[in-house]
């Protein structure tokens, strides 16, 4: 399993996991979060390896479709990138401005909560 896809699925699962069924959540958590193999998950739920594979592939597609429609992860990432740039600018040009740094931290926390 490639690391980039794992990171993408974990990020999308963080954003949209609550919209999945309980079973989809469990399979995705075990497969991507806990690094279980398809066989281990199949044994855990007493179903075929193929059933787990099919469910995970369907769920991956669902998560990608949610992101394509809602763009929550994209907006989150873009906002964090802007905050990072502001933080670098403030640190370089106004290193003693603790009030501005505190406001940036509030902005980052707000973005993390959404």
PDB file of N, CA and C in Angstrom:
ATOM      1  N   UNK A   1       0.862  -1.179   0.000  1.00  0.00           N
ATOM      2  CA  UNK A   1       0.000   0.000   0.000  1.00  0.00           C
ATOM      3  C   UNK A   1       0.902   1.234   0.000  1.00  0.00           C
ATOM      4  N   UNK A   2       0.652   2.116  -0.926  1.00  0.00           N
ATOM      5  CA  UNK A   2       1.523   3.274  -1.011  1.00  0.00           C
ATOM      6  C   UNK A   2       1.168   4.315   0.055  1.00  0.00           C
ATOM      7  N   UNK A   3       2.208   4.938   0.556  1.00  0.00           N
ATOM      8  CA  UNK A   3       2.070   5.885   1.664  1.00  0.00           C
ATOM      9  C   UNK A   3       1.187   7.076   1.301  1.00  0.00           C
ATOM     10  N   UNK A   4       1.316   7.584   0.084  1.00  0.00           N
ATOM     11  CA  UNK A   4       0.528   8.746  -0.327  1.00  0.00           C
ATOM     12  C   UNK A   4      -0.973   8.449  -0.295  1.00  0.00           C
ATOM     13  N   UNK A   5      -1.347   7.278  -0.795  1.00  0.00           N
ATOM     14  CA  UNK A   5      -2.759   6.905  -0.780  1.00  0.00           C
ATOM     15  C   UNK A   5      -3.252   6.710   0.648  1.00  0.00           C
ATOM     16  N   UNK A   6      -2.423   6.096   1.486  1.00  0.00           N
ATOM     17  CA  UNK A   6      -2.793   5.905   2.886  1.00  0.00           C
ATOM     18  C   UNK A   6      -3.028   7.249   3.562  1.00  0.00           C
ATOM     19  N   UNK A   7      -2.126   8.190   3.334  1.00  0.00           N
ATOM     20  CA  UNK A   7      -2.287   9.523   3.923  1.00  0.00           C
ATOM     21  C   UNK A   7      -3.548  10.210   3.417  1.00  0.00           C
ATOM     22  N   UNK A   8      -3.813  10.073   2.105  1.00  0.00           N
ATOM     23  CA  UNK A   8      -5.013  10.677   1.532  1.00  0.00           C
ATOM     24  C   UNK A   8      -6.275  10.069   2.150  1.00  0.00           C
ATOM     25  N   UNK A   9      -6.320   8.760   2.244  1.00  0.00           N
ATOM     26  CA  UNK A   9      -7.507   8.094   2.789  1.00  0.00           C
ATOM     27  C   UNK A   9      -7.697   8.430   4.270  1.00  0.00           C
ATOM     28  N   UNK A  10      -6.607   8.485   5.023  1.00  0.00           N
ATOM     29  CA  UNK A  10      -6.716   8.859   6.437  1.00  0.00           C
ATOM     30  C   UNK A  10      -7.242  10.284   6.587  1.00  0.00           C
ATOM     31  N   UNK A  11      -6.767  11.191   5.737  1.00  0.00           N
ATOM     32  CA  UNK A  11      -7.233  12.581   5.802  1.00  0.00           C
ATOM     33  C   UNK A  11      -8.716  12.667   5.436  1.00  0.00           C
ATOM     34  N   UNK A  12      -9.104  12.000   4.362  1.00  0.00           N
ATOM     35  CA  UNK A  12     -10.506  12.033   3.950  1.00  0.00           C
ATOM     36  C   UNK A  12     -11.391  11.358   4.991  1.00  0.00           C
ATOM     37  N   UNK A  13     -10.882  10.295   5.582  1.00  0.00           N
ATOM     38  CA  UNK A  13     -11.640   9.609   6.633  1.00  0.00           C
ATOM     39  C   UNK A  13     -11.836  10.530   7.838  1.00  0.00           C
ATOM     40  N   UNK A  14     -10.815  11.308   8.183  1.00  0.00           N
ATOM     41  CA  UNK A  14     -10.950  12.269   9.281  1.00  0.00           C
ATOM     42  C   UNK A  14     -12.064  13.276   9.000  1.00  0.00           C
ATOM     43  N   UNK A  15     -12.162  13.715   7.753  1.00  0.00           N
ATOM     44  CA  UNK A  15     -13.157  14.726   7.398  1.00  0.00           C
ATOM     45  C   UNK A  15     -14.554  14.158   7.194  1.00  0.00           C
ATOM     46  N   UNK A  16     -14.643  12.991   6.586  1.00  0.00           N
ATOM     47  CA  UNK A  16     -15.947  12.488   6.162  1.00  0.00           C
ATOM     48  C   UNK A  16     -16.348  11.163   6.810  1.00  0.00           C
ATOM     49  N   UNK A  17     -15.537  10.653   7.698  1.00  0.00           N
ATOM     50  CA  UNK A  17     -15.802   9.354   8.306  1.00  0.00           C
ATOM     51  C   UNK A  17     -17.159   9.242   8.976  1.00  0.00           C
ATOM     52  N   UNK A  18     -17.613  10.323   9.572  1.00  0.00           N
ATOM     53  CA  UNK A  18     -18.914  10.296  10.264  1.00  0.00           C
ATOM     54  C   UNK A  18     -20.074  10.083   9.296  1.00  0.00           C
ATOM     55  N   UNK A  19     -19.849  10.295   8.009  1.00  0.00           N
ATOM     56  CA  UNK A  19     -20.900  10.105   7.018  1.00  0.00           C
ATOM     57  C   UNK A  19     -20.989   8.657   6.534  1.00  0.00           C
ATOM     58  N   UNK A  20     -20.042   7.842   6.945  1.00  0.00           N
ATOM     59  CA  UNK A  20     -20.011   6.433   6.532  1.00  0.00           C
ATOM     60  C   UNK A  20     -20.819   5.576   7.495  1.00  0.00           C
ATOM     61  N   UNK A  21     -21.154   4.378   7.036  1.00  0.00           N
ATOM     62  CA  UNK A  21     -21.832   3.433   7.922  1.00  0.00           C
ATOM     63  C   UNK A  21     -20.839   2.941   8.978  1.00  0.00           C
ATOM     64  N   UNK A  22     -21.355   2.354  10.028  1.00  0.00           N
ATOM     65  CA  UNK A  22     -20.485   1.832  11.083  1.00  0.00           C
ATOM     66  C   UNK A  22     -19.499   0.805  10.531  1.00  0.00           C
ATOM     67  N   UNK A  23     -19.985  -0.071   9.678  1.00  0.00           N
ATOM     68  CA  UNK A  23     -19.123  -1.110   9.107  1.00  0.00           C
ATOM     69  C   UNK A  23     -18.027  -0.499   8.235  1.00  0.00           C
ATOM     70  N   UNK A  24     -18.396   0.479   7.411  1.00  0.00           N
ATOM     71  CA  UNK A  24     -17.401   1.159   6.587  1.00  0.00           C
ATOM     72  C   UNK A  24     -16.349   1.828   7.470  1.00  0.00           C
ATOM     73  N   UNK A  25     -16.795   2.459   8.537  1.00  0.00           N
ATOM     74  CA  UNK A  25     -15.861   3.108   9.458  1.00  0.00           C
ATOM     75  C   UNK A  25     -14.901   2.087  10.069  1.00  0.00           C
ATOM     76  N   UNK A  26     -15.447   0.968  10.504  1.00  0.00           N
ATOM     77  CA  UNK A  26     -14.611  -0.062  11.129  1.00  0.00           C
ATOM     78  C   UNK A  26     -13.579  -0.605  10.150  1.00  0.00           C
ATOM     79  N   UNK A  27     -14.017  -0.936   8.942  1.00  0.00           N
ATOM     80  CA  UNK A  27     -13.092  -1.483   7.950  1.00  0.00           C
ATOM     81  C   UNK A  27     -11.992  -0.477   7.605  1.00  0.00           C
ATOM     82  N   UNK A  28     -12.378   0.770   7.389  1.00  0.00           N
ATOM     83  CA  UNK A  28     -11.388   1.796   7.026  1.00  0.00           C
ATOM     84  C   UNK A  28     -10.420   2.055   8.177  1.00  0.00           C
ATOM     85  N   UNK A  29     -10.942   2.091   9.393  1.00  0.00           N
ATOM     86  CA  UNK A  29     -10.065   2.305  10.551  1.00  0.00           C
ATOM     87  C   UNK A  29      -9.050   1.173  10.678  1.00  0.00           C
ATOM     88  N   UNK A  30      -9.525  -0.044  10.543  1.00  0.00           N
ATOM     89  CA  UNK A  30      -8.619  -1.186  10.661  1.00  0.00           C
ATOM     90  C   UNK A  30      -7.610  -1.228   9.520  1.00  0.00           C
ATOM     91  N   UNK A  31      -8.080  -0.991   8.304  1.00  0.00           N
ATOM     92  CA  UNK A  31      -7.205  -1.111   7.135  1.00  0.00           C
ATOM     93  C   UNK A  31      -6.207   0.039   7.044  1.00  0.00           C
ATOM     94  N   UNK A  32      -6.688   1.265   7.117  1.00  0.00           N
ATOM     95  CA  UNK A  32      -5.812   2.418   6.944  1.00  0.00           C
ATOM     96  C   UNK A  32      -5.250   2.936   8.266  1.00  0.00           C
ATOM     97  N   UNK A  33      -6.049   2.939   9.302  1.00  0.00           N
ATOM     98  CA  UNK A  33      -5.584   3.487  10.576  1.00  0.00           C
ATOM     99  C   UNK A  33      -4.709   2.533  11.363  1.00  0.00           C
ATOM    100  N   UNK A  34      -5.114   1.267  11.396  1.00  0.00           N
ATOM    101  CA  UNK A  34      -4.404   0.286  12.219  1.00  0.00           C
ATOM    102  C   UNK A  34      -3.531  -0.658  11.405  1.00  0.00           C
ATOM    103  N   UNK A  35      -3.529  -0.491  10.074  1.00  0.00           N
ATOM    104  CA  UNK A  35      -2.667  -1.257   9.160  1.00  0.00           C
ATOM    105  C   UNK A  35      -2.936  -2.763   9.204  1.00  0.00           C
ATOM    106  N   UNK A  36      -4.201  -3.135   9.374  1.00  0.00           N
ATOM    107  CA  UNK A  36      -4.575  -4.547   9.302  1.00  0.00           C
ATOM    108  C   UNK A  36      -4.568  -4.972   7.832  1.00  0.00           C
ATOM    109  N   UNK A  37      -4.291  -6.235   7.580  1.00  0.00           N
ATOM    110  CA  UNK A  37      -4.402  -6.772   6.224  1.00  0.00           C
ATOM    111  C   UNK A  37      -5.863  -7.099   5.946  1.00  0.00           C
ATOM    112  N   UNK A  38      -6.171  -7.296   4.674  1.00  0.00           N
ATOM    113  CA  UNK A  38      -7.535  -7.683   4.305  1.00  0.00           C
ATOM    114  C   UNK A  38      -7.917  -8.997   4.979  1.00  0.00           C
ATOM    115  N   UNK A  39      -6.979  -9.927   5.025  1.00  0.00           N
ATOM    116  CA  UNK A  39      -7.226 -11.220   5.657  1.00  0.00           C
ATOM    117  C   UNK A  39      -7.509 -11.093   7.144  1.00  0.00           C
ATOM    118  N   UNK A  40      -6.772 -10.228   7.817  1.00  0.00           N
ATOM    119  CA  UNK A  40      -6.993 -10.033   9.255  1.00  0.00           C
ATOM    120  C   UNK A  40      -8.376  -9.438   9.523  1.00  0.00           C
ATOM    121  N   UNK A  41      -8.772  -8.491   8.688  1.00  0.00           N
ATOM    122  CA  UNK A  41     -10.099  -7.891   8.857  1.00  0.00           C
ATOM    123  C   UNK A  41     -11.179  -8.926   8.561  1.00  0.00           C
ATOM    124  N   UNK A  42     -10.967  -9.707   7.512  1.00  0.00           N
ATOM    125  CA  UNK A  42     -11.933 -10.751   7.149  1.00  0.00           C
ATOM    126  C   UNK A  42     -12.101 -11.746   8.292  1.00  0.00           C
ATOM    127  N   UNK A  43     -11.015 -12.143   8.915  1.00  0.00           N
ATOM    128  CA  UNK A  43     -11.081 -13.059  10.058  1.00  0.00           C
ATOM    129  C   UNK A  43     -11.838 -12.431  11.226  1.00  0.00           C
ATOM    130  N   UNK A  44     -11.570 -11.156  11.460  1.00  0.00           N
ATOM    131  CA  UNK A  44     -12.206 -10.422  12.560  1.00  0.00           C
ATOM    132  C   UNK A  44     -13.725 -10.375  12.411  1.00  0.00           C
ATOM    133  N   UNK A  45     -14.199 -10.213  11.169  1.00  0.00           N
ATOM    134  CA  UNK A  45     -15.632 -10.061  10.918  1.00  0.00           C
ATOM    135  C   UNK A  45     -16.279 -11.321  10.357  1.00  0.00           C
ATOM    136  N   UNK A  46     -15.481 -12.362  10.200  1.00  0.00           N
ATOM    137  CA  UNK A  46     -15.973 -13.645   9.704  1.00  0.00           C
ATOM    138  C   UNK A  46     -16.644 -13.512   8.333  1.00  0.00           C
ATOM    139  N   UNK A  47     -15.981 -12.775   7.445  1.00  0.00           N
ATOM    140  CA  UNK A  47     -16.435 -12.626   6.062  1.00  0.00           C
ATOM    141  C   UNK A  47     -15.248 -12.907   5.144  1.00  0.00           C
ATOM    142  N   UNK A  48     -15.500 -12.936   3.849  1.00  0.00           N
ATOM    143  CA  UNK A  48     -14.414 -13.228   2.908  1.00  0.00           C
ATOM    144  C   UNK A  48     -13.486 -12.026   2.740  1.00  0.00           C
ATOM    145  N   UNK A  49     -12.284 -12.327   2.354  1.00  0.00           N
ATOM    146  CA  UNK A  49     -11.299 -11.284   2.064  1.00  0.00           C
ATOM    147  C   UNK A  49     -11.812 -10.404   0.924  1.00  0.00           C
ATOM    148  N   UNK A  50     -12.454 -11.025  -0.050  1.00  0.00           N
ATOM    149  CA  UNK A  50     -12.999 -10.296  -1.195  1.00  0.00           C
ATOM    150  C   UNK A  50     -14.086  -9.308  -0.757  1.00  0.00           C
ATOM    151  N   UNK A  51     -14.907  -9.700   0.208  1.00  0.00           N
ATOM    152  CA  UNK A  51     -15.955  -8.809   0.710  1.00  0.00           C
ATOM    153  C   UNK A  51     -15.332  -7.567   1.355  1.00  0.00           C
ATOM    154  N   UNK A  52     -14.263  -7.765   2.105  1.00  0.00           N
ATOM    155  CA  UNK A  52     -13.565  -6.633   2.734  1.00  0.00           C
ATOM    156  C   UNK A  52     -12.964  -5.734   1.653  1.00  0.00           C
ATOM    157  N   UNK A  53     -12.297  -6.352   0.694  1.00  0.00           N
ATOM    158  CA  UNK A  53     -11.673  -5.597  -0.402  1.00  0.00           C
ATOM    159  C   UNK A  53     -12.721  -4.745  -1.130  1.00  0.00           C
ATOM    160  N   UNK A  54     -13.828  -5.361  -1.499  1.00  0.00           N
ATOM    161  CA  UNK A  54     -14.889  -4.642  -2.217  1.00  0.00           C
ATOM    162  C   UNK A  54     -15.444  -3.489  -1.392  1.00  0.00           C
ATOM    163  N   UNK A  55     -15.657  -3.735  -0.110  1.00  0.00           N
ATOM    164  CA  UNK A  55     -16.195  -2.697   0.766  1.00  0.00           C
ATOM    165  C   UNK A  55     -15.216  -1.534   0.888  1.00  0.00           C
ATOM    166  N   UNK A  56     -13.948  -1.826   1.067  1.00  0.00           N
ATOM    167  CA  UNK A  56     -12.934  -0.767   1.197  1.00  0.00           C
ATOM    168  C   UNK A  56     -12.833   0.033  -0.098  1.00  0.00           C
ATOM    169  N   UNK A  57     -12.833  -0.638  -1.238  1.00  0.00           N
ATOM    170  CA  UNK A  57     -12.751   0.072  -2.522  1.00  0.00           C
ATOM    171  C   UNK A  57     -13.975   0.974  -2.725  1.00  0.00           C
ATOM    172  N   UNK A  58     -15.158   0.482  -2.390  1.00  0.00           N
ATOM    173  CA  UNK A  58     -16.377   1.306  -2.488  1.00  0.00           C
ATOM    174  C   UNK A  58     -16.289   2.509  -1.554  1.00  0.00           C
ATOM    175  N   UNK A  59     -15.795   2.271  -0.358  1.00  0.00           N
ATOM    176  CA  UNK A  59     -15.690   3.350   0.627  1.00  0.00           C
ATOM    177  C   UNK A  59     -14.657   4.384   0.198  1.00  0.00           C
ATOM    178  N   UNK A  60     -13.542   3.944  -0.361  1.00  0.00           N
ATOM    179  CA  UNK A  60     -12.546   4.888  -0.889  1.00  0.00           C
ATOM    180  C   UNK A  60     -13.191   5.793  -1.940  1.00  0.00           C
ATOM    181  N   UNK A  61     -13.957   5.190  -2.826  1.00  0.00           N
ATOM    182  CA  UNK A  61     -14.628   5.947  -3.879  1.00  0.00           C
ATOM    183  C   UNK A  61     -15.610   6.954  -3.278  1.00  0.00           C
ATOM    184  N   UNK A  62     -16.343   6.531  -2.262  1.00  0.00           N
ATOM    185  CA  UNK A  62     -17.294   7.422  -1.593  1.00  0.00           C
ATOM    186  C   UNK A  62     -16.569   8.613  -0.973  1.00  0.00           C
ATOM    187  N   UNK A  63     -15.464   8.357  -0.287  1.00  0.00           N
ATOM    188  CA  UNK A  63     -14.705   9.436   0.349  1.00  0.00           C
ATOM    189  C   UNK A  63     -14.172  10.422  -0.694  1.00  0.00           C
ATOM    190  N   UNK A  64     -13.677   9.895  -1.797  1.00  0.00           N
ATOM    191  CA  UNK A  64     -13.167  10.759  -2.864  1.00  0.00           C
ATOM    192  C   UNK A  64     -14.299  11.592  -3.459  1.00  0.00           C
ATOM    193  N   UNK A  65     -15.460  10.984  -3.639  1.00  0.00           N
ATOM    194  CA  UNK A  65     -16.612  11.731  -4.164  1.00  0.00           C
ATOM    195  C   UNK A  65     -17.060  12.828  -3.202  1.00  0.00           C
ATOM    196  N   UNK A  66     -17.056  12.542  -1.910  1.00  0.00           N
ATOM    197  CA  UNK A  66     -17.386  13.585  -0.927  1.00  0.00           C
ATOM    198  C   UNK A  66     -16.436  14.766  -1.069  1.00  0.00           C
ATOM    199  N   UNK A  67     -15.155  14.477  -1.184  1.00  0.00           N
ATOM    200  CA  UNK A  67     -14.168  15.549  -1.294  1.00  0.00           C
ATOM    201  C   UNK A  67     -14.357  16.326  -2.598  1.00  0.00           C
ATOM    202  N   UNK A  68     -14.634  15.626  -3.690  1.00  0.00           N
ATOM    203  CA  UNK A  68     -14.849  16.310  -4.967  1.00  0.00           C
ATOM    204  C   UNK A  68     -16.044  17.253  -4.900  1.00  0.00           C
ATOM    205  N   UNK A  69     -17.059  16.889  -4.135  1.00  0.00           N
ATOM    206  CA  UNK A  69     -18.262  17.712  -4.029  1.00  0.00           C
ATOM    207  C   UNK A  69     -18.133  18.817  -2.982  1.00  0.00           C
ATOM    208  N   UNK A  70     -17.496  18.510  -1.862  1.00  0.00           N
ATOM    209  CA  UNK A  70     -17.478  19.437  -0.728  1.00  0.00           C
ATOM    210  C   UNK A  70     -16.164  20.197  -0.562  1.00  0.00           C
ATOM    211  N   UNK A  71     -15.064  19.611  -0.997  1.00  0.00           N
ATOM    212  CA  UNK A  71     -13.734  20.241  -0.923  1.00  0.00           C
ATOM    213  C   UNK A  71     -13.320  20.668   0.480  1.00  0.00           C
ATOM    214  N   UNK A  72     -13.796  19.999   1.500  1.00  0.00           N
ATOM    215  CA  UNK A  72     -13.449  20.395   2.871  1.00  0.00           C
ATOM    216  C   UNK A  72     -11.965  20.218   3.154  1.00  0.00           C
ATOM    217  N   UNK A  73     -11.393  19.097   2.729  1.00  0.00           N
ATOM    218  CA  UNK A  73      -9.973  18.868   2.986  1.00  0.00           C
ATOM    219  C   UNK A  73      -9.117  19.853   2.199  1.00  0.00           C
ATOM    220  N   UNK A  74      -9.497  20.121   0.961  1.00  0.00           N
ATOM    221  CA  UNK A  74      -8.752  21.078   0.145  1.00  0.00           C
ATOM    222  C   UNK A  74      -8.766  22.464   0.792  1.00  0.00           C
ATOM    223  N   UNK A  75      -9.933  22.901   1.233  1.00  0.00           N
ATOM    224  CA  UNK A  75     -10.046  24.216   1.872  1.00  0.00           C
ATOM    225  C   UNK A  75      -9.260  24.260   3.176  1.00  0.00           C
ATOM    226  N   UNK A  76      -9.312  23.182   3.946  1.00  0.00           N
ATOM    227  CA  UNK A  76      -8.552  23.095   5.193  1.00  0.00           C
ATOM    228  C   UNK A  76      -7.062  23.222   4.900  1.00  0.00           C
ATOM    229  N   UNK A  77      -6.577  22.487   3.924  1.00  0.00           N
ATOM    230  CA  UNK A  77      -5.154  22.507   3.574  1.00  0.00           C
ATOM    231  C   UNK A  77      -4.726  23.885   3.078  1.00  0.00           C
ATOM    232  N   UNK A  78      -5.550  24.486   2.233  1.00  0.00           N
ATOM    233  CA  UNK A  78      -5.230  25.817   1.718  1.00  0.00           C
ATOM    234  C   UNK A  78      -5.191  26.854   2.841  1.00  0.00           C
ATOM    235  N   UNK A  79      -6.136  26.778   3.748  1.00  0.00           N
ATOM    236  CA  UNK A  79      -6.166  27.716   4.870  1.00  0.00           C
ATOM    237  C   UNK A  79      -4.935  27.537   5.755  1.00  0.00           C
ATOM    238  N   UNK A  80      -4.560  26.287   6.024  1.00  0.00           N
ATOM    239  CA  UNK A  80      -3.357  26.051   6.831  1.00  0.00           C
ATOM    240  C   UNK A  80      -2.107  26.560   6.138  1.00  0.00           C
ATOM    241  N   UNK A  81      -2.039  26.444   4.825  1.00  0.00           N
ATOM    242  CA  UNK A  81      -0.882  26.949   4.078  1.00  0.00           C
ATOM    243  C   UNK A  81      -0.794  28.475   4.201  1.00  0.00           C
ATOM    244  N   UNK A  82      -1.931  29.147   4.133  1.00  0.00           N
ATOM    245  CA  UNK A  82      -1.947  30.607   4.278  1.00  0.00           C
ATOM    246  C   UNK A  82      -1.525  31.000   5.692  1.00  0.00           C
ATOM    247  N   UNK A  83      -2.027  30.291   6.675  1.00  0.00           N
ATOM    248  CA  UNK A  83      -1.638  30.568   8.064  1.00  0.00           C
ATOM    249  C   UNK A  83      -0.134  30.370   8.242  1.00  0.00           C
ATOM    250  N   UNK A  84       0.411  29.309   7.654  1.00  0.00           N
ATOM    251  CA  UNK A  84       1.855  29.059   7.728  1.00  0.00           C
ATOM    252  C   UNK A  84       2.642  30.216   7.116  1.00  0.00           C
ATOM    253  N   UNK A  85       2.188  30.706   5.963  1.00  0.00           N
ATOM    254  CA  UNK A  85       2.867  31.823   5.308  1.00  0.00           C
ATOM    255  C   UNK A  85       2.810  33.083   6.174  1.00  0.00           C
ATOM    256  N   UNK A  86       1.643  33.350   6.745  1.00  0.00           N
ATOM    257  CA  UNK A  86       1.507  34.512   7.634  1.00  0.00           C
ATOM    258  C   UNK A  86       2.426  34.390   8.842  1.00  0.00           C
ATOM    259  N   UNK A  87       2.481  33.179   9.392  1.00  0.00           N
ATOM    260  CA  UNK A  87       3.332  32.939  10.559  1.00  0.00           C
ATOM    261  C   UNK A  87       4.804  33.179  10.225  1.00  0.00           C
ATOM    262  N   UNK A  88       5.239  32.709   9.073  1.00  0.00           N
ATOM    263  CA  UNK A  88       6.625  32.936   8.643  1.00  0.00           C
ATOM    264  C   UNK A  88       6.897  34.426   8.462  1.00  0.00           C
ATOM    265  N   UNK A  89       5.964  35.134   7.848  1.00  0.00           N
ATOM    266  CA  UNK A  89       6.126  36.566   7.621  1.00  0.00           C
ATOM    267  C   UNK A  89       6.212  37.326   8.941  1.00  0.00           C
ATOM    268  N   UNK A  90       5.300  37.020   9.840  1.00  0.00           N
ATOM    269  CA  UNK A  90       5.283  37.705  11.132  1.00  0.00           C
ATOM    270  C   UNK A  90       6.566  37.403  11.907  1.00  0.00           C
ATOM    271  N   UNK A  91       6.991  36.161  11.900  1.00  0.00           N
ATOM    272  CA  UNK A  91       8.213  35.779  12.620  1.00  0.00           C
ATOM    273  C   UNK A  91       9.423  36.511  12.046  1.00  0.00           C
ATOM    274  N   UNK A  92       9.475  36.652  10.725  1.00  0.00           N
ATOM    275  CA  UNK A  92      10.611  37.314  10.083  1.00  0.00           C
ATOM    276  C   UNK A  92      10.592  38.835  10.257  1.00  0.00           C
ATOM    277  N   UNK A  93       9.399  39.417  10.186  1.00  0.00           N
ATOM    278  CA  UNK A  93       9.317  40.885  10.180  1.00  0.00           C
ATOM    279  C   UNK A  93       8.871  41.506  11.500  1.00  0.00           C
ATOM    280  N   UNK A  94       8.158  40.759  12.301  1.00  0.00           N
ATOM    281  CA  UNK A  94       7.650  41.266  13.569  1.00  0.00           C
ATOM    282  C   UNK A  94       7.844  40.212  14.667  1.00  0.00           C
ATOM    283  N   UNK A  95       9.071  39.841  14.941  1.00  0.00           N
ATOM    284  CA  UNK A  95       9.320  38.727  15.870  1.00  0.00           C
ATOM    285  C   UNK A  95       8.814  38.970  17.292  1.00  0.00           C
ATOM    286  N   UNK A  96       8.631  40.218  17.671  1.00  0.00           N
ATOM    287  CA  UNK A  96       8.183  40.507  19.037  1.00  0.00           C
ATOM    288  C   UNK A  96       6.671  40.719  19.146  1.00  0.00           C
ATOM    289  N   UNK A  97       5.973  40.603  18.043  1.00  0.00           N
ATOM    290  CA  UNK A  97       4.526  40.844  18.042  1.00  0.00           C
ATOM    291  C   UNK A  97       3.786  39.578  18.493  1.00  0.00           C
ATOM    292  N   UNK A  98       3.717  39.403  19.792  1.00  0.00           N
ATOM    293  CA  UNK A  98       3.081  38.200  20.342  1.00  0.00           C
ATOM    294  C   UNK A  98       1.560  38.221  20.164  1.00  0.00           C
ATOM    295  N   UNK A  99       0.965  39.403  20.091  1.00  0.00           N
ATOM    296  CA  UNK A  99      -0.484  39.497  19.916  1.00  0.00           C
ATOM    297  C   UNK A  99      -0.889  38.944  18.551  1.00  0.00           C
ATOM    298  N   UNK A 100      -0.132  39.304  17.518  1.00  0.00           N
ATOM    299  CA  UNK A 100      -0.443  38.816  16.184  1.00  0.00           C
ATOM    300  C   UNK A 100      -0.242  37.301  16.104  1.00  0.00           C
ATOM    301  N   UNK A 101       0.824  36.822  16.728  1.00  0.00           N
ATOM    302  CA  UNK A 101       1.078  35.374  16.756  1.00  0.00           C
ATOM    303  C   UNK A 101      -0.051  34.637  17.484  1.00  0.00           C
ATOM    304  N   UNK A 102      -0.561  35.234  18.538  1.00  0.00           N
ATOM    305  CA  UNK A 102      -1.674  34.623  19.278  1.00  0.00           C
ATOM    306  C   UNK A 102      -2.933  34.562  18.413  1.00  0.00           C
ATOM    307  N   UNK A 103      -3.170  35.605  17.634  1.00  0.00           N
ATOM    308  CA  UNK A 103      -4.329  35.612  16.745  1.00  0.00           C
ATOM    309  C   UNK A 103      -4.185  34.564  15.643  1.00  0.00           C
ATOM    310  N   UNK A 104      -2.979  34.397  15.141  1.00  0.00           N
ATOM    311  CA  UNK A 104      -2.744  33.351  14.142  1.00  0.00           C
ATOM    312  C   UNK A 104      -2.998  31.960  14.733  1.00  0.00           C
ATOM    313  N   UNK A 105      -2.605  31.781  15.976  1.00  0.00           N
ATOM    314  CA  UNK A 105      -2.845  30.489  16.631  1.00  0.00           C
ATOM    315  C   UNK A 105      -4.339  30.242  16.809  1.00  0.00           C
ATOM    316  N   UNK A 106      -5.085  31.275  17.144  1.00  0.00           N
ATOM    317  CA  UNK A 106      -6.541  31.144  17.252  1.00  0.00           C
ATOM    318  C   UNK A 106      -7.136  30.757  15.896  1.00  0.00           C
ATOM    319  N   UNK A 107      -6.641  31.383  14.847  1.00  0.00           N
ATOM    320  CA  UNK A 107      -7.114  31.078  13.500  1.00  0.00           C
ATOM    321  C   UNK A 107      -6.818  29.622  13.140  1.00  0.00           C
ATOM    322  N   UNK A 108      -5.627  29.150  13.483  1.00  0.00           N
ATOM    323  CA  UNK A 108      -5.255  27.767  13.214  1.00  0.00           C
ATOM    324  C   UNK A 108      -6.167  26.798  13.987  1.00  0.00           C
ATOM    325  N   UNK A 109      -6.438  27.122  15.252  1.00  0.00           N
ATOM    326  CA  UNK A 109      -7.313  26.260  16.062  1.00  0.00           C
ATOM    327  C   UNK A 109      -8.730  26.236  15.509  1.00  0.00           C
ATOM    328  N   UNK A 110      -9.203  27.386  15.065  1.00  0.00           N
ATOM    329  CA  UNK A 110     -10.533  27.454  14.469  1.00  0.00           C
ATOM    330  C   UNK A 110     -10.599  26.594  13.219  1.00  0.00           C
ATOM    331  N   UNK A 111      -9.575  26.667  12.405  1.00  0.00           N
ATOM    332  CA  UNK A 111      -9.532  25.854  11.188  1.00  0.00           C
ATOM    333  C   UNK A 111      -9.485  24.367  11.525  1.00  0.00           C
ATOM    334  N   UNK A 112      -8.758  23.997  12.555  1.00  0.00           N
ATOM    335  CA  UNK A 112      -8.660  22.593  12.952  1.00  0.00           C
ATOM    336  C   UNK A 112      -9.990  22.056  13.478  1.00  0.00           C
ATOM    337  N   UNK A 113     -10.789  22.932  14.072  1.00  0.00           N
ATOM    338  CA  UNK A 113     -12.070  22.505  14.651  1.00  0.00           C
ATOM    339  C   UNK A 113     -13.149  22.328  13.594  1.00  0.00           C
ATOM    340  N   UNK A 114     -13.018  22.997  12.476  1.00  0.00           N
ATOM    341  CA  UNK A 114     -14.067  22.938  11.444  1.00  0.00           C
ATOM    342  C   UNK A 114     -13.979  21.702  10.622  1.00  0.00           C
TER     343      UNK A 114
END
